[in-house]
N, C-alpha and C. Protein backbone atom coordinates (compact mmCIF):
# COMPACT_ATOMS: atom_id res chain seq x y z
N MET A 1 25.46 16.25 44.09
CA MET A 1 26.01 14.82 43.80
C MET A 1 24.94 14.93 42.58
N ALA A 2 23.79 15.04 42.46
CA ALA A 2 22.65 14.59 41.18
C ALA A 2 23.10 15.68 40.42
N LEU A 3 23.77 16.92 40.54
CA LEU A 3 23.87 17.73 38.93
C LEU A 3 25.25 16.35 38.54
N ALA A 4 26.31 15.75 38.90
CA ALA A 4 27.69 14.92 38.55
C ALA A 4 26.48 13.82 37.90
N GLY A 5 25.87 13.50 38.28
CA GLY A 5 24.81 12.12 37.45
C GLY A 5 23.96 12.75 36.89
N ALA A 6 23.53 14.00 36.67
CA ALA A 6 22.78 14.54 35.50
C ALA A 6 23.95 14.49 34.11
N VAL A 7 25.30 15.34 34.61
CA VAL A 7 26.37 15.21 33.73
C VAL A 7 26.86 14.20 33.25
N ILE A 8 26.46 12.73 33.92
CA ILE A 8 27.23 11.94 33.28
C ILE A 8 26.69 11.29 32.28
N LEU A 9 24.89 11.27 33.13
CA LEU A 9 23.58 10.85 31.67
C LEU A 9 24.26 11.25 30.42
N ILE A 10 23.94 13.24 30.21
CA ILE A 10 23.75 13.29 29.00
C ILE A 10 24.72 12.75 28.32
N TYR A 11 26.21 12.71 29.36
CA TYR A 11 27.69 12.39 28.28
C TYR A 11 27.22 11.26 27.47
N LEU A 12 26.59 10.79 28.38
CA LEU A 12 26.52 8.99 27.61
C LEU A 12 25.35 8.95 26.68
N LEU A 13 24.41 9.89 26.97
CA LEU A 13 23.36 10.10 25.27
C LEU A 13 23.81 10.72 24.76
N LEU A 14 24.62 11.38 24.46
CA LEU A 14 25.40 12.73 23.47
C LEU A 14 26.64 11.58 23.06
N ALA A 15 27.14 10.49 23.87
CA ALA A 15 28.06 9.87 23.11
C ALA A 15 28.11 8.40 22.64
N GLY A 16 26.59 8.07 22.66
CA GLY A 16 25.66 7.21 22.15
C GLY A 16 26.47 6.18 22.98
N GLY A 17 26.04 6.09 24.40
CA GLY A 17 25.46 4.90 25.49
C GLY A 17 27.09 4.25 25.10
N GLY A 18 28.27 5.00 24.94
CA GLY A 18 29.52 4.16 25.81
C GLY A 18 29.98 3.63 25.01
N GLY A 19 30.31 3.47 23.33
CA GLY A 19 30.59 3.38 22.36
C GLY A 19 30.00 1.52 21.84
N ASP A 20 29.06 1.45 22.30
CA ASP A 20 28.66 -0.17 22.48
C ASP A 20 27.79 -0.63 20.94
N GLU A 21 28.08 0.20 19.48
CA GLU A 21 27.14 0.74 18.45
C GLU A 21 27.99 -0.63 17.78
N TYR A 22 27.49 -1.81 17.05
CA TYR A 22 28.72 -2.23 15.87
C TYR A 22 28.87 -1.52 14.47
N GLU A 23 30.00 -1.54 14.33
CA GLU A 23 30.15 -0.47 12.83
C GLU A 23 31.17 -0.80 12.08
N ILE A 24 30.74 -1.01 10.85
CA ILE A 24 31.43 -1.43 10.19
C ILE A 24 31.66 -0.59 9.16
N THR A 25 33.26 -0.47 8.44
CA THR A 25 33.53 0.50 6.86
C THR A 25 33.83 -0.64 5.66
N ALA A 26 33.28 0.13 5.05
CA ALA A 26 33.04 -0.77 3.66
C ALA A 26 33.56 -0.17 2.95
N GLU A 27 34.84 -0.50 1.85
CA GLU A 27 35.72 -0.04 0.48
C GLU A 27 34.67 -0.34 -1.05
N PHE A 28 33.91 0.84 -1.07
CA PHE A 28 33.42 1.02 -2.12
C PHE A 28 34.05 1.42 -3.55
N GLU A 29 33.86 0.76 -4.97
CA GLU A 29 34.59 1.39 -6.08
C GLU A 29 34.30 2.95 -5.92
N ASN A 30 32.91 3.57 -6.07
CA ASN A 30 32.49 4.74 -5.50
C ASN A 30 30.76 4.94 -4.59
N ALA A 31 30.92 5.80 -4.01
CA ALA A 31 29.58 5.73 -3.18
C ALA A 31 28.21 5.61 -4.12
N SER A 32 28.38 5.62 -5.31
CA SER A 32 26.92 5.21 -5.51
C SER A 32 25.78 5.97 -4.96
N GLN A 33 26.12 7.93 -5.10
CA GLN A 33 24.64 8.44 -4.45
C GLN A 33 24.33 7.86 -3.11
N LEU A 34 25.14 7.79 -1.98
CA LEU A 34 25.22 6.85 -0.98
C LEU A 34 24.85 8.76 -0.09
N VAL A 35 24.26 8.79 1.08
CA VAL A 35 23.94 9.25 1.88
C VAL A 35 24.15 9.32 2.91
N ASN A 36 24.10 10.19 4.02
CA ASN A 36 24.22 9.56 5.05
C ASN A 36 22.78 9.40 5.82
N GLY A 37 22.59 8.84 6.20
CA GLY A 37 21.10 8.03 7.19
C GLY A 37 20.80 7.39 6.35
N ASN A 38 20.98 6.92 4.71
CA ASN A 38 20.77 5.31 4.27
C ASN A 38 20.72 4.32 4.98
N GLU A 39 18.98 3.75 4.49
CA GLU A 39 19.33 2.31 4.98
C GLU A 39 20.16 1.39 5.26
N VAL A 40 20.54 0.24 5.81
CA VAL A 40 21.43 -0.93 5.47
C VAL A 40 20.54 -1.89 5.87
N ILE A 41 20.35 -2.40 4.70
CA ILE A 41 19.38 -4.01 4.72
C ILE A 41 20.09 -5.09 4.37
N VAL A 42 19.10 -6.38 5.75
CA VAL A 42 19.42 -7.52 5.31
C VAL A 42 17.86 -8.30 5.17
N GLY A 43 17.89 -9.17 3.89
CA GLY A 43 16.85 -10.15 3.36
C GLY A 43 15.21 -8.71 3.52
N GLY A 44 15.66 -7.81 3.46
CA GLY A 44 14.40 -6.83 3.24
C GLY A 44 14.42 -6.17 4.28
N ALA A 45 14.51 -6.11 5.70
CA ALA A 45 14.75 -5.57 6.41
C ALA A 45 16.11 -4.56 7.36
N ALA A 46 15.07 -3.31 7.44
CA ALA A 46 16.53 -2.18 7.75
C ALA A 46 16.65 -2.55 9.41
N VAL A 47 18.39 -2.99 9.09
CA VAL A 47 18.95 -3.33 9.62
C VAL A 47 19.83 -2.18 10.49
N GLY A 48 20.28 -1.31 10.54
CA GLY A 48 21.00 -0.46 10.55
C GLY A 48 20.86 0.50 9.13
N LYS A 49 21.84 2.14 9.46
CA LYS A 49 21.92 3.40 8.18
C LYS A 49 23.67 3.69 8.05
N VAL A 50 23.93 4.13 7.29
CA VAL A 50 24.74 4.64 7.34
C VAL A 50 25.09 6.01 7.94
N SER A 51 26.61 5.83 8.36
CA SER A 51 26.97 7.02 9.24
C SER A 51 28.06 7.94 8.66
N LYS A 52 28.98 7.45 7.67
CA LYS A 52 29.44 8.39 7.26
C LYS A 52 30.45 8.04 6.04
N ILE A 53 30.42 8.60 4.64
CA ILE A 53 31.07 8.46 3.76
C ILE A 53 32.62 9.32 4.06
N GLU A 54 33.30 8.56 3.49
CA GLU A 54 34.73 9.81 3.27
C GLU A 54 35.23 9.07 1.78
N LEU A 55 36.82 9.96 1.49
CA LEU A 55 37.60 9.28 0.23
C LEU A 55 38.22 8.40 0.44
N GLY A 56 39.03 7.72 0.32
CA GLY A 56 40.35 6.72 0.72
C GLY A 56 41.05 7.41 -0.28
N ASP A 57 41.73 6.65 0.46
CA ASP A 57 43.65 7.31 -0.04
C ASP A 57 43.86 6.62 -1.31
N SER A 58 43.05 5.71 -1.97
CA SER A 58 43.19 4.94 -3.83
C SER A 58 41.86 5.93 -4.55
N GLY A 59 41.38 6.66 -3.66
CA GLY A 59 39.95 6.83 -4.40
C GLY A 59 38.81 6.93 -4.08
N GLN A 60 39.21 5.34 -3.69
CA GLN A 60 37.77 4.83 -3.14
C GLN A 60 36.54 5.38 -2.33
N ALA A 61 35.34 5.12 -2.01
CA ALA A 61 34.50 5.35 -1.61
C ALA A 61 34.47 3.90 0.07
N LEU A 62 34.38 5.14 1.43
CA LEU A 62 34.85 4.51 2.53
C LEU A 62 33.71 4.95 3.07
N VAL A 63 32.74 3.65 3.31
CA VAL A 63 30.98 3.54 3.72
C VAL A 63 31.42 3.29 5.30
N THR A 64 30.99 3.92 5.99
CA THR A 64 30.63 3.00 7.20
C THR A 64 29.13 3.21 7.87
N PHE A 65 28.78 2.34 8.69
CA PHE A 65 27.56 1.67 8.70
C PHE A 65 27.51 1.15 9.56
N ASN A 66 26.28 1.15 11.03
CA ASN A 66 26.21 0.52 11.76
C ASN A 66 25.38 -0.88 11.69
N VAL A 67 25.16 -1.78 12.65
CA VAL A 67 23.83 -2.85 12.31
C VAL A 67 23.62 -3.29 13.14
N GLN A 68 22.51 -3.40 13.52
CA GLN A 68 21.58 -3.45 14.99
C GLN A 68 22.52 -5.44 15.82
N GLU A 69 22.43 -5.30 16.60
CA GLU A 69 22.71 -5.87 17.74
C GLU A 69 22.53 -7.42 17.49
N ASP A 70 20.75 -7.49 16.67
CA ASP A 70 20.57 -8.77 16.31
C ASP A 70 21.49 -9.72 15.73
N PHE A 71 21.99 -8.55 14.47
CA PHE A 71 22.73 -9.14 13.34
C PHE A 71 24.22 -8.76 13.35
N ALA A 72 24.62 -8.35 14.61
CA ALA A 72 26.44 -8.63 14.79
C ALA A 72 26.39 -9.59 15.53
N PRO A 73 27.80 -9.85 15.52
CA PRO A 73 28.87 -9.37 14.37
C PRO A 73 28.62 -10.23 12.84
N LEU A 74 29.00 -9.35 11.94
CA LEU A 74 28.96 -10.20 10.52
C LEU A 74 29.82 -11.10 10.07
N PRO A 75 30.05 -12.12 9.65
CA PRO A 75 30.50 -13.05 9.03
C PRO A 75 31.20 -12.68 8.46
N GLU A 76 33.02 -13.18 8.25
CA GLU A 76 33.61 -12.70 6.61
C GLU A 76 32.99 -13.63 5.84
N GLY A 77 32.78 -13.34 5.04
CA GLY A 77 32.05 -13.32 3.22
C GLY A 77 30.71 -12.93 3.42
N THR A 78 30.55 -12.36 4.06
CA THR A 78 28.83 -10.77 4.16
C THR A 78 29.54 -10.35 2.79
N LYS A 79 28.87 -10.01 2.03
CA LYS A 79 28.72 -8.74 0.71
C LYS A 79 28.07 -7.92 1.23
N ALA A 80 28.52 -6.88 0.71
CA ALA A 80 27.87 -5.37 0.40
C ALA A 80 27.73 -4.88 -0.41
N THR A 81 25.84 -4.38 -0.82
CA THR A 81 25.90 -4.19 -2.32
C THR A 81 25.08 -2.94 -2.61
N VAL A 82 25.33 -1.86 -2.88
CA VAL A 82 24.62 -0.03 -3.00
C VAL A 82 23.41 -0.95 -4.05
N ARG A 83 22.05 -0.39 -3.54
CA ARG A 83 21.15 -0.43 -4.13
C ARG A 83 19.97 0.06 -4.58
N SER A 84 19.62 0.62 -5.64
CA SER A 84 18.60 2.04 -5.66
C SER A 84 17.34 0.69 -4.95
N TYR A 85 16.35 1.10 -4.23
CA TYR A 85 15.37 0.75 -3.72
C TYR A 85 13.92 1.17 -4.91
N SER A 86 14.30 1.75 -5.88
CA SER A 86 12.82 2.05 -6.73
C SER A 86 13.94 2.87 -8.20
N LEU A 87 12.92 2.70 -9.41
CA LEU A 87 13.48 3.71 -10.40
C LEU A 87 12.85 5.37 -10.26
N SER A 88 12.03 5.49 -9.38
CA SER A 88 11.81 6.53 -9.45
C SER A 88 12.06 8.00 -8.92
N GLY A 89 13.53 7.48 -8.01
CA GLY A 89 14.15 8.59 -7.51
C GLY A 89 15.66 8.49 -7.99
N VAL A 90 16.67 9.69 -7.68
CA VAL A 90 17.98 9.97 -7.78
C VAL A 90 18.79 9.09 -6.92
N ALA A 91 18.47 9.36 -6.04
CA ALA A 91 19.65 9.15 -4.53
C ALA A 91 18.57 8.50 -3.56
N ASN A 92 18.28 7.60 -3.94
CA ASN A 92 17.06 6.67 -3.23
C ASN A 92 17.96 5.05 -3.17
N ARG A 93 19.14 4.91 -2.24
CA ARG A 93 19.76 3.90 -2.49
C ARG A 93 20.04 3.27 -0.75
N GLN A 94 20.40 2.22 -0.38
CA GLN A 94 20.70 1.67 0.33
C GLN A 94 22.27 0.20 -0.46
N VAL A 95 22.57 0.36 1.13
CA VAL A 95 23.18 -0.99 1.53
C VAL A 95 22.53 -2.32 1.71
N HIS A 96 22.62 -2.89 1.13
CA HIS A 96 22.10 -4.42 1.18
C HIS A 96 23.16 -5.48 1.69
N LEU A 97 22.85 -5.84 2.63
CA LEU A 97 23.63 -6.72 3.42
C LEU A 97 23.58 -8.44 2.68
N THR A 98 24.41 -9.29 2.68
CA THR A 98 24.28 -10.48 2.10
C THR A 98 24.72 -11.66 2.56
N ILE A 99 24.61 -12.14 3.66
CA ILE A 99 25.27 -13.26 4.67
C ILE A 99 25.48 -14.35 4.09
N PRO A 100 26.46 -14.78 4.68
CA PRO A 100 26.56 -16.19 3.53
C PRO A 100 26.07 -17.57 4.91
N PRO A 101 24.83 -18.74 4.19
CA PRO A 101 24.95 -19.63 5.42
C PRO A 101 25.90 -19.91 6.58
N ASP A 102 25.58 -20.14 7.38
CA ASP A 102 26.08 -20.96 8.36
C ASP A 102 27.24 -21.52 8.16
N ASN A 103 27.05 -22.65 7.26
CA ASN A 103 28.21 -23.43 6.83
C ASN A 103 29.42 -23.04 5.77
N GLN A 104 28.86 -21.74 5.47
CA GLN A 104 30.33 -21.45 4.29
C GLN A 104 30.66 -19.75 5.05
N ALA A 105 29.94 -19.23 6.32
CA ALA A 105 30.71 -17.79 6.66
C ALA A 105 32.22 -18.44 7.39
N GLY A 106 32.82 -17.10 7.35
CA GLY A 106 33.69 -17.85 8.45
C GLY A 106 33.75 -16.51 9.43
N ALA A 107 35.39 -16.45 10.13
CA ALA A 107 34.65 -15.91 10.88
C ALA A 107 34.11 -14.28 11.81
N PRO A 108 34.02 -13.75 12.62
CA PRO A 108 33.08 -12.68 12.71
C PRO A 108 33.95 -11.56 12.30
N ILE A 109 33.46 -10.43 12.04
CA ILE A 109 34.12 -8.98 11.73
C ILE A 109 33.65 -8.46 12.80
N ASP A 110 35.13 -7.86 13.68
CA ASP A 110 35.38 -7.22 14.72
C ASP A 110 34.52 -6.06 14.14
N SER A 111 33.70 -4.98 15.11
CA SER A 111 33.23 -3.80 14.80
C SER A 111 34.53 -2.99 14.99
N GLY A 112 34.49 -1.80 13.44
CA GLY A 112 35.76 -1.11 13.46
C GLY A 112 36.31 -1.91 12.35
N SER A 113 36.10 -2.68 11.96
CA SER A 113 36.55 -3.11 11.21
C SER A 113 36.40 -2.90 9.52
N THR A 114 37.00 -3.16 8.20
CA THR A 114 37.34 -3.00 7.20
C THR A 114 36.66 -3.99 6.19
N MET A 115 35.31 -3.38 5.26
CA MET A 115 35.26 -4.77 4.24
C MET A 115 35.86 -4.06 2.97
N THR A 116 36.99 -5.05 2.33
CA THR A 116 37.20 -4.63 1.32
C THR A 116 36.73 -4.37 0.04
N GLN A 117 36.80 -3.89 -1.18
CA GLN A 117 36.46 -4.12 -2.47
C GLN A 117 35.99 -5.55 -3.08
N SER A 118 36.76 -6.51 -2.38
CA SER A 118 36.62 -7.65 -3.39
C SER A 118 35.10 -8.08 -2.27
N ASP A 119 34.72 -7.90 -1.27
CA ASP A 119 33.45 -8.21 -0.93
C ASP A 119 32.32 -6.73 -0.98
N THR A 120 32.42 -5.81 -1.48
CA THR A 120 31.59 -5.07 -2.68
C THR A 120 31.03 -4.38 -3.33
N VAL A 121 29.86 -4.61 -4.07
CA VAL A 121 29.51 -4.02 -5.57
C VAL A 121 28.76 -2.65 -5.02
N SER A 122 29.19 -1.57 -5.92
CA SER A 122 28.61 -0.54 -6.07
C SER A 122 27.67 -0.49 -7.16
N ALA A 123 26.67 0.33 -7.29
CA ALA A 123 25.37 0.69 -7.96
C ALA A 123 25.84 1.11 -9.63
N VAL A 124 24.99 -0.03 -10.10
CA VAL A 124 25.69 0.74 -11.54
C VAL A 124 24.26 1.86 -12.43
N ASP A 125 24.59 3.51 -12.27
CA ASP A 125 23.43 4.24 -13.33
C ASP A 125 23.46 4.10 -14.30
N LEU A 126 22.07 4.19 -15.52
CA LEU A 126 22.41 3.82 -16.58
C LEU A 126 22.66 4.89 -16.82
N ASP A 127 23.39 6.26 -16.87
CA ASP A 127 24.41 6.66 -17.78
C ASP A 127 25.98 5.85 -17.81
N GLN A 128 25.96 5.75 -16.62
CA GLN A 128 27.45 4.88 -16.90
C GLN A 128 27.11 3.69 -18.33
N ILE A 129 26.24 3.09 -18.22
CA ILE A 129 25.84 2.25 -19.37
C ILE A 129 26.11 2.84 -20.76
N PHE A 130 24.91 3.87 -20.83
CA PHE A 130 24.96 4.55 -21.79
C PHE A 130 26.53 5.47 -22.38
N ASN A 131 26.92 5.78 -21.66
CA ASN A 131 28.53 6.23 -21.61
C ASN A 131 29.24 5.21 -22.21
N THR A 132 29.11 4.02 -22.45
CA THR A 132 29.93 3.17 -22.95
C THR A 132 29.91 2.69 -24.58
N LEU A 133 28.62 3.63 -24.75
CA LEU A 133 28.26 3.40 -26.65
C LEU A 133 28.47 4.22 -27.26
N ASP A 134 29.04 3.79 -28.13
CA ASP A 134 29.67 4.37 -29.38
C ASP A 134 28.81 5.84 -30.05
N ALA A 135 29.02 6.29 -30.85
CA ALA A 135 27.91 7.51 -31.04
C ALA A 135 27.09 6.71 -32.24
N GLU A 136 27.63 5.92 -32.89
CA GLU A 136 26.49 5.18 -33.95
C GLU A 136 25.56 4.23 -33.19
N THR A 137 26.05 4.05 -32.25
CA THR A 137 24.84 3.11 -31.19
C THR A 137 23.83 3.79 -30.66
N VAL A 138 24.25 4.97 -29.99
CA VAL A 138 23.30 6.45 -29.72
C VAL A 138 22.27 6.42 -30.56
N ALA A 139 22.92 6.59 -31.69
CA ALA A 139 22.23 7.51 -33.27
C ALA A 139 21.23 6.07 -33.28
N ASN A 140 21.25 5.26 -33.32
CA ASN A 140 20.41 3.56 -33.79
C ASN A 140 19.63 3.27 -32.69
N LEU A 141 19.74 3.71 -31.52
CA LEU A 141 19.03 3.51 -30.29
C LEU A 141 18.23 4.58 -30.26
N LYS A 142 18.52 5.69 -31.02
CA LYS A 142 17.22 7.44 -30.98
C LYS A 142 16.59 6.52 -31.59
N LYS A 143 16.93 5.57 -33.03
CA LYS A 143 15.63 5.47 -33.72
C LYS A 143 15.11 4.68 -33.20
N VAL A 144 15.04 4.20 -32.97
CA VAL A 144 14.38 2.89 -32.12
C VAL A 144 13.69 3.21 -31.38
N ILE A 145 13.95 4.27 -30.21
CA ILE A 145 13.03 4.96 -29.57
C ILE A 145 12.36 5.52 -29.97
N ARG A 146 12.53 6.49 -31.64
CA ARG A 146 11.38 6.89 -32.44
C ARG A 146 10.49 5.75 -32.85
N GLY A 147 11.15 5.03 -32.87
CA GLY A 147 10.31 3.90 -33.84
C GLY A 147 9.19 3.29 -32.75
N PHE A 148 9.09 2.96 -31.69
CA PHE A 148 8.47 2.50 -30.87
C PHE A 148 7.34 4.13 -30.78
N GLU A 149 7.41 5.09 -30.36
CA GLU A 149 6.35 6.52 -30.49
C GLU A 149 5.54 6.32 -31.91
N ILE A 150 6.54 6.02 -32.79
CA ILE A 150 5.36 6.15 -34.08
C ILE A 150 4.57 5.21 -34.10
N SER A 151 4.81 3.98 -33.48
CA SER A 151 3.75 3.11 -33.51
C SER A 151 2.83 3.25 -32.75
N TYR A 152 3.06 3.69 -31.68
CA TYR A 152 2.46 3.91 -30.95
C TYR A 152 0.96 5.33 -30.83
N GLU A 153 1.46 5.77 -31.98
CA GLU A 153 0.54 7.26 -32.37
C GLU A 153 -0.33 7.18 -32.60
N GLY A 154 -1.14 7.42 -31.72
CA GLY A 154 -2.94 7.64 -31.92
C GLY A 154 -3.59 6.79 -31.20
N VAL A 155 -2.67 5.31 -30.64
CA VAL A 155 -3.56 4.33 -30.09
C VAL A 155 -3.08 4.60 -28.82
N GLY A 156 -2.81 5.34 -27.96
CA GLY A 156 -2.47 5.73 -26.81
C GLY A 156 -3.53 4.85 -25.38
N LYS A 157 -4.55 5.30 -26.07
CA LYS A 157 -5.67 5.08 -25.16
C LYS A 157 -5.61 3.63 -25.06
N GLN A 158 -5.98 2.80 -26.35
CA GLN A 158 -6.14 1.60 -26.71
C GLN A 158 -4.94 0.82 -25.89
N ALA A 159 -3.79 1.17 -25.39
CA ALA A 159 -2.27 0.94 -24.92
C ALA A 159 -2.34 0.79 -23.54
N ASN A 160 -3.13 1.71 -23.24
CA ASN A 160 -3.22 1.51 -21.78
C ASN A 160 -4.19 0.88 -21.31
């Protein structure tokens, strides 16, 4: 009998306590360098983690994340945005949730549901912006940067 109880307890621990976790999948245009384990943030506080990232049928990123019980269920109208939390890292991303005020919130989103791309925003990397520039603009931008270099030549200690 004790062995059966121990087996059930181990199963529940490994299975996540019976599936009570609130989980949502969000469709993003791209995964924006998200990885499993990245934080989910509401109002600056960590409230969950990214648990799975898959490729959808139309090439979109399907990002599954969980949210703590205090914030579940999310209301319709919630927006999910991929952001980096600093400029110093490459893959330092978070999913920020913007929850609408009570008077603008829709019905609760059931666990296991999917937020569509109309409710998500992928991060834009600097490379993506530079890739939109033509060759002449890039050359002129390089001249501007070199001009900054020349203007600070010899006065670095004073500038600091």
